[in-house]
Amino acid sequence: MPKVRIETVMALREFIEEFASGGQQTSLSIVNSEQPPMVAEMLDSLFGEQPISVSEATRVLSDADVVQLRRDGSIVAESPFADVRDSVLAVNSDIYVTGSRPLEEVRTPDVIRHLEGTRFHVRGYPAGTKGKLLLIEISRYIESMALQYGSGELHTGFQRLSRIVDERGTERAYERLTNTDLDIHVYGIGDPGRVRPRSLTVHNDDVPEIRNGWFVVFTPPPGADAQGAALVAVTDDDDEWDGIWKLGTEAADRVRRHLTERYGSA
């Protein structure tokens, strides 16, 4: 039995290793900034412990107050600084816990979304106050993708099933999602009875991968004109998380298949 548990823990970690963009230099630049130094420093603080360099730059052919994401020197994405500020810099996780930002209003900036393949090591409160918000933002982004399309499969790991009903924002989000044609699977330990009346498939497996795994995986129906996405993160102590996200149906479907083969589809 212990050997099986070790293999289960390693599965999500292997996806993190595989999805990581090894060797690429990733940077964010605030271009032609009109922000006070304190505001610009917030971006540097957010990514201070991540494999991403942050700088300010002046470029004649660029707009003012934009954030550019570069990989190996090439521009991958660009977003207005105001969008980055409003989505991750000037907020905290309470907007999601309380539901003050519903799924329909999630607008994740391109420069955040396209950090896919970047491996994040983040800490929750009180050890860290902002880093985990990146993973929360992407979780909600993937859920909003699923809501917008309205069909396909959504697989979400909560560690503890009680979070679905104890966090009002999460409860509202999943009430909204169950009003679609999505096939929704939730994973966690604890009493599944609090969740079962909803039109969700509950996987109550008390194994390390479920206790310590945070994942949000959306796969559209086969042949659909839509893109899937997957966030995968693991922890050993619920305080520090090793996580990554990947855009694209192929990657998302591989994580989905792992979950359904391991824990069943119903």
Protein backbone atom coordinates (compact mmCIF):
# COMPACT_ATOMS: atom_id res chain seq x y z
CA MET A 1 0.00 0.00 0.00
CA PRO A 2 2.72 2.62 0.80
CA LYS A 3 4.24 2.03 -2.64
CA VAL A 4 0.94 2.82 -4.38
CA ARG A 5 0.60 6.05 -2.40
CA ILE A 6 4.07 7.20 -3.44
CA GLU A 7 3.26 6.60 -7.11
CA THR A 8 0.04 8.58 -6.71
CA VAL A 9 1.81 11.57 -5.19
CA MET A 10 4.34 11.60 -7.99
CA ALA A 11 1.82 11.70 -10.82
CA LEU A 12 0.91 15.40 -10.54
CA ARG A 13 4.52 16.32 -9.84
CA GLU A 14 5.48 14.63 -13.09
CA PHE A 15 3.06 16.86 -15.01
CA ILE A 16 4.68 19.89 -13.38
CA GLU A 17 8.11 18.69 -14.46
CA GLU A 18 6.91 17.93 -17.97
CA PHE A 19 5.03 21.19 -18.56
CA ALA A 20 7.89 23.39 -17.36
CA SER A 21 9.57 25.45 -20.10
CA GLY A 22 13.14 24.61 -19.29
CA GLY A 23 15.97 26.92 -20.22
CA GLN A 24 13.94 29.90 -21.44
CA GLN A 25 14.60 33.32 -19.95
CA THR A 26 11.31 34.92 -18.94
CA SER A 27 10.94 38.61 -18.18
CA LEU A 28 8.28 41.25 -17.61
CA SER A 29 8.88 44.89 -18.48
CA ILE A 30 6.80 47.89 -17.54
CA VAL A 31 7.18 49.95 -20.69
CA ASN A 32 6.97 53.75 -20.70
CA SER A 33 5.65 53.69 -17.18
CA GLU A 34 3.56 56.55 -15.86
CA GLN A 35 3.07 54.84 -12.51
CA PRO A 36 4.52 56.07 -9.21
CA PRO A 37 7.51 53.97 -8.11
CA MET A 38 5.51 52.29 -5.34
CA VAL A 39 2.97 50.87 -7.81
CA ALA A 40 5.64 49.61 -10.20
CA GLU A 41 7.46 47.97 -7.28
CA MET A 42 4.34 45.89 -6.57
CA LEU A 43 4.94 43.95 -9.78
CA ASP A 44 8.54 43.31 -8.85
CA SER A 45 7.43 42.14 -5.40
CA LEU A 46 4.84 39.75 -6.85
CA PHE A 47 7.45 37.95 -8.94
CA GLY A 48 10.40 38.48 -6.61
CA GLU A 49 10.77 34.79 -5.72
CA GLN A 50 9.88 33.44 -9.17
CA PRO A 51 12.09 32.66 -12.20
CA ILE A 52 10.97 35.90 -13.85
CA SER A 53 12.93 39.14 -14.02
CA VAL A 54 11.01 42.43 -13.76
CA SER A 55 12.24 45.77 -15.06
CA GLU A 56 11.13 49.13 -16.40
CA ALA A 57 11.94 50.19 -19.94
CA THR A 58 11.46 53.13 -22.29
CA ARG A 59 10.64 52.24 -25.87
CA VAL A 60 9.77 54.84 -28.49
CA LEU A 61 7.48 52.62 -30.55
CA SER A 62 5.49 51.25 -27.60
CA ASP A 63 2.42 52.60 -25.87
CA ALA A 64 2.65 54.09 -22.40
CA ASP A 65 1.98 52.02 -19.30
CA VAL A 66 2.03 48.55 -20.81
CA VAL A 67 3.52 45.35 -19.48
CA GLN A 68 5.40 43.18 -21.94
CA LEU A 69 6.14 39.51 -21.43
CA ARG A 70 9.29 38.30 -23.16
CA ARG A 71 10.82 34.87 -23.55
CA ASP A 72 14.42 34.73 -24.68
CA GLY A 73 14.09 38.38 -25.66
CA SER A 74 11.02 37.99 -27.91
CA ILE A 75 7.69 39.57 -27.00
CA VAL A 76 5.12 36.89 -26.20
CA ALA A 77 2.29 39.07 -24.89
CA GLU A 78 1.44 42.63 -23.91
CA SER A 79 -1.21 44.03 -21.56
CA PRO A 80 -2.13 47.45 -20.18
CA PHE A 81 -0.56 47.95 -16.76
CA ALA A 82 -4.00 48.84 -15.42
CA ASP A 83 -5.30 45.36 -16.30
CA VAL A 84 -2.43 43.68 -14.45
CA ARG A 85 -2.92 45.98 -11.49
CA ASP A 86 -6.65 45.33 -11.28
CA SER A 87 -6.41 41.56 -11.69
CA VAL A 88 -3.53 40.64 -9.39
CA LEU A 89 -1.67 43.61 -7.90
CA ALA A 90 -4.41 45.61 -6.19
CA VAL A 91 -6.53 42.68 -4.99
CA ASN A 92 -6.33 39.79 -2.57
CA SER A 93 -7.83 36.31 -2.50
CA ASP A 94 -10.91 37.58 -0.63
CA ILE A 95 -12.50 38.69 -3.90
CA TYR A 96 -12.69 35.03 -4.89
CA VAL A 97 -13.50 33.60 -1.47
CA THR A 98 -16.39 36.03 -1.00
CA GLY A 99 -17.52 35.96 -4.61
CA SER A 100 -17.22 39.70 -5.14
CA ARG A 101 -15.66 38.91 -8.53
CA PRO A 102 -17.92 36.37 -10.27
CA LEU A 103 -16.65 34.08 -13.01
CA GLU A 104 -18.30 36.18 -15.68
CA GLU A 105 -16.08 39.11 -14.70
CA VAL A 106 -12.74 37.30 -14.70
CA ARG A 107 -10.47 39.08 -17.17
CA THR A 108 -7.00 37.60 -16.84
CA PRO A 109 -4.46 39.73 -18.74
CA ASP A 110 -2.52 38.18 -21.61
CA VAL A 111 0.82 38.63 -19.85
CA ILE A 112 -0.42 36.58 -16.89
CA ARG A 113 -2.12 33.86 -18.96
CA HIS A 114 0.93 33.43 -21.15
CA LEU A 115 3.19 32.73 -18.21
CA GLU A 116 2.14 29.15 -18.91
CA GLY A 117 5.02 26.75 -18.61
CA THR A 118 6.63 28.85 -15.86
CA ARG A 119 7.08 26.88 -12.68
CA PHE A 120 5.94 28.82 -9.64
CA HIS A 121 6.87 28.22 -6.04
CA VAL A 122 4.41 30.23 -3.97
CA ARG A 123 3.53 30.62 -0.33
CA GLY A 124 0.17 31.36 1.16
CA TYR A 125 -0.68 33.74 3.99
CA PRO A 126 1.06 34.59 6.29
CA ALA A 127 4.36 33.39 4.78
CA GLY A 128 3.50 35.11 1.51
CA THR A 129 0.70 37.46 0.63
CA LYS A 130 0.59 37.66 -3.16
CA GLY A 131 2.30 34.73 -4.86
CA LYS A 132 -0.54 32.27 -4.34
CA LEU A 133 -2.92 34.75 -5.93
CA LEU A 134 -1.38 33.96 -9.32
CA LEU A 135 -2.54 30.35 -9.03
CA ILE A 136 -5.95 31.43 -7.74
CA GLU A 137 -6.34 33.84 -10.66
CA ILE A 138 -5.50 31.13 -13.20
CA SER A 139 -7.85 28.69 -11.45
CA ARG A 140 -10.70 31.15 -11.87
CA TYR A 141 -9.62 31.88 -15.43
CA ILE A 142 -9.90 28.19 -16.38
CA GLU A 143 -13.28 27.94 -14.64
CA SER A 144 -14.43 31.02 -16.56
CA MET A 145 -13.30 29.36 -19.81
CA ALA A 146 -15.42 26.35 -18.95
CA LEU A 147 -18.39 28.54 -18.08
CA GLN A 148 -18.11 30.50 -21.31
CA TYR A 149 -18.04 27.37 -23.45
CA GLY A 150 -20.67 25.58 -21.37
CA SER A 151 -19.87 21.96 -22.24
CA GLY A 152 -16.97 19.56 -21.98
CA GLU A 153 -15.37 18.41 -18.74
CA LEU A 154 -14.11 20.33 -15.71
CA HIS A 155 -12.03 18.55 -13.05
CA THR A 156 -11.12 20.44 -9.90
CA GLY A 157 -9.10 19.39 -6.84
CA PHE A 158 -10.02 21.19 -3.61
CA GLN A 159 -7.97 19.13 -1.11
CA ARG A 160 -10.95 19.40 1.26
CA LEU A 161 -14.49 19.08 -0.11
CA SER A 162 -15.74 21.48 2.55
CA ARG A 163 -14.17 24.37 0.64
CA ILE A 164 -16.84 24.10 -2.02
CA VAL A 165 -19.54 25.15 0.44
CA ASP A 166 -17.51 27.01 3.09
CA GLU A 167 -16.11 29.56 0.64
CA ARG A 168 -19.09 31.54 -0.56
CA GLY A 169 -17.37 32.66 -3.74
CA THR A 170 -16.47 29.09 -4.66
CA GLU A 171 -20.00 27.91 -3.91
CA ARG A 172 -21.47 30.59 -6.16
CA ALA A 173 -18.99 29.80 -8.93
CA TYR A 174 -19.89 26.12 -8.93
CA GLU A 175 -23.60 26.82 -8.69
CA ARG A 176 -23.17 28.84 -11.85
CA LEU A 177 -21.10 26.14 -13.53
CA THR A 178 -23.65 23.42 -12.77
CA ASN A 179 -26.25 25.41 -14.69
CA THR A 180 -24.43 24.50 -17.90
CA ASP A 181 -23.93 21.25 -19.82
CA LEU A 182 -20.48 20.76 -18.30
CA ASP A 183 -19.55 17.38 -16.85
CA ILE A 184 -18.05 18.56 -13.55
CA HIS A 185 -15.87 16.43 -11.28
CA VAL A 186 -14.66 17.63 -7.87
CA TYR A 187 -12.00 15.93 -5.78
CA GLY A 188 -11.19 16.16 -2.10
CA ILE A 189 -11.33 14.51 1.29
CA GLY A 190 -14.04 14.97 3.90
CA ASP A 191 -17.79 14.54 3.97
CA PRO A 192 -19.13 14.23 0.41
CA GLY A 193 -22.69 14.45 1.71
CA ARG A 194 -22.52 18.25 1.81
CA VAL A 195 -21.77 18.32 -1.90
CA ARG A 196 -23.71 15.39 -3.39
CA PRO A 197 -27.11 17.12 -3.86
CA ARG A 198 -25.49 19.30 -6.48
CA SER A 199 -25.09 18.10 -10.04
CA LEU A 200 -21.41 17.34 -9.51
CA THR A 201 -19.51 14.06 -9.56
CA VAL A 202 -17.67 13.86 -6.25
CA HIS A 203 -14.42 11.89 -5.89
CA ASN A 204 -13.73 11.40 -2.19
CA ASP A 205 -10.39 9.55 -2.31
CA ASP A 206 -8.20 9.89 0.76
CA VAL A 207 -4.85 9.56 -0.97
CA PRO A 208 -1.86 11.97 -0.98
CA GLU A 209 -2.50 13.26 -4.49
CA ILE A 210 -6.02 14.37 -3.55
CA ARG A 211 -5.10 15.65 -0.08
CA ASN A 212 -2.15 17.64 -1.42
CA GLY A 213 -3.13 18.39 -5.01
CA TRP A 214 -4.62 21.56 -6.43
CA PHE A 215 -5.75 21.25 -10.02
CA VAL A 216 -8.26 22.82 -12.38
CA VAL A 217 -8.58 21.11 -15.75
CA PHE A 218 -10.98 22.06 -18.55
CA THR A 219 -11.29 20.01 -21.73
CA PRO A 220 -13.83 20.98 -24.40
CA PRO A 221 -15.76 18.27 -26.28
CA PRO A 222 -13.81 16.45 -29.04
CA GLY A 223 -13.65 18.52 -32.20
CA ALA A 224 -14.89 21.68 -30.48
CA ASP A 225 -13.64 25.09 -31.52
CA ALA A 226 -12.32 25.84 -28.04
CA GLN A 227 -9.08 25.56 -26.10
CA GLY A 228 -8.53 23.53 -22.96
CA ALA A 229 -6.25 24.43 -20.08
CA ALA A 230 -4.83 22.87 -16.95
CA LEU A 231 -3.39 24.16 -13.70
CA VAL A 232 -1.54 21.65 -11.54
CA ALA A 233 0.01 22.35 -8.13
CA VAL A 234 1.14 20.24 -5.18
CA THR A 235 2.05 20.94 -1.58
CA ASP A 236 3.57 19.08 1.33
CA ASP A 237 2.26 21.35 4.09
CA ASP A 238 -0.61 23.45 2.61
CA ASP A 239 1.58 26.56 2.96
CA GLU A 240 4.02 26.27 0.06
CA TRP A 241 2.94 25.23 -3.41
CA ASP A 242 4.82 24.06 -6.48
CA GLY A 243 2.60 24.84 -9.46
CA ILE A 244 2.31 25.43 -13.17
CA TRP A 245 -0.35 25.93 -15.80
CA LYS A 246 -0.55 24.95 -19.43
CA LEU A 247 -2.85 26.24 -22.15
CA GLY A 248 -3.98 23.82 -24.84
CA THR A 249 -6.39 20.93 -25.10
CA GLU A 250 -3.74 18.24 -25.59
CA ALA A 251 -2.01 18.96 -22.28
CA ALA A 252 -5.31 19.39 -20.44
CA ASP A 253 -6.63 16.11 -21.82
CA ARG A 254 -3.59 14.23 -20.58
CA VAL A 255 -4.22 15.44 -17.03
CA ARG A 256 -7.93 14.64 -17.41
CA ARG A 257 -7.16 11.11 -18.54
CA HIS A 258 -4.85 10.58 -15.58
CA LEU A 259 -7.60 11.66 -13.18
CA THR A 260 -10.34 9.58 -14.78
CA GLU A 261 -8.16 6.48 -15.07
CA ARG A 262 -7.03 6.80 -11.46
CA TYR A 263 -10.29 7.81 -9.81
CA GLY A 264 -13.02 6.85 -12.26
CA SER A 265 -15.28 8.90 -14.47
CA ALA A 266 -18.40 8.64 -12.30
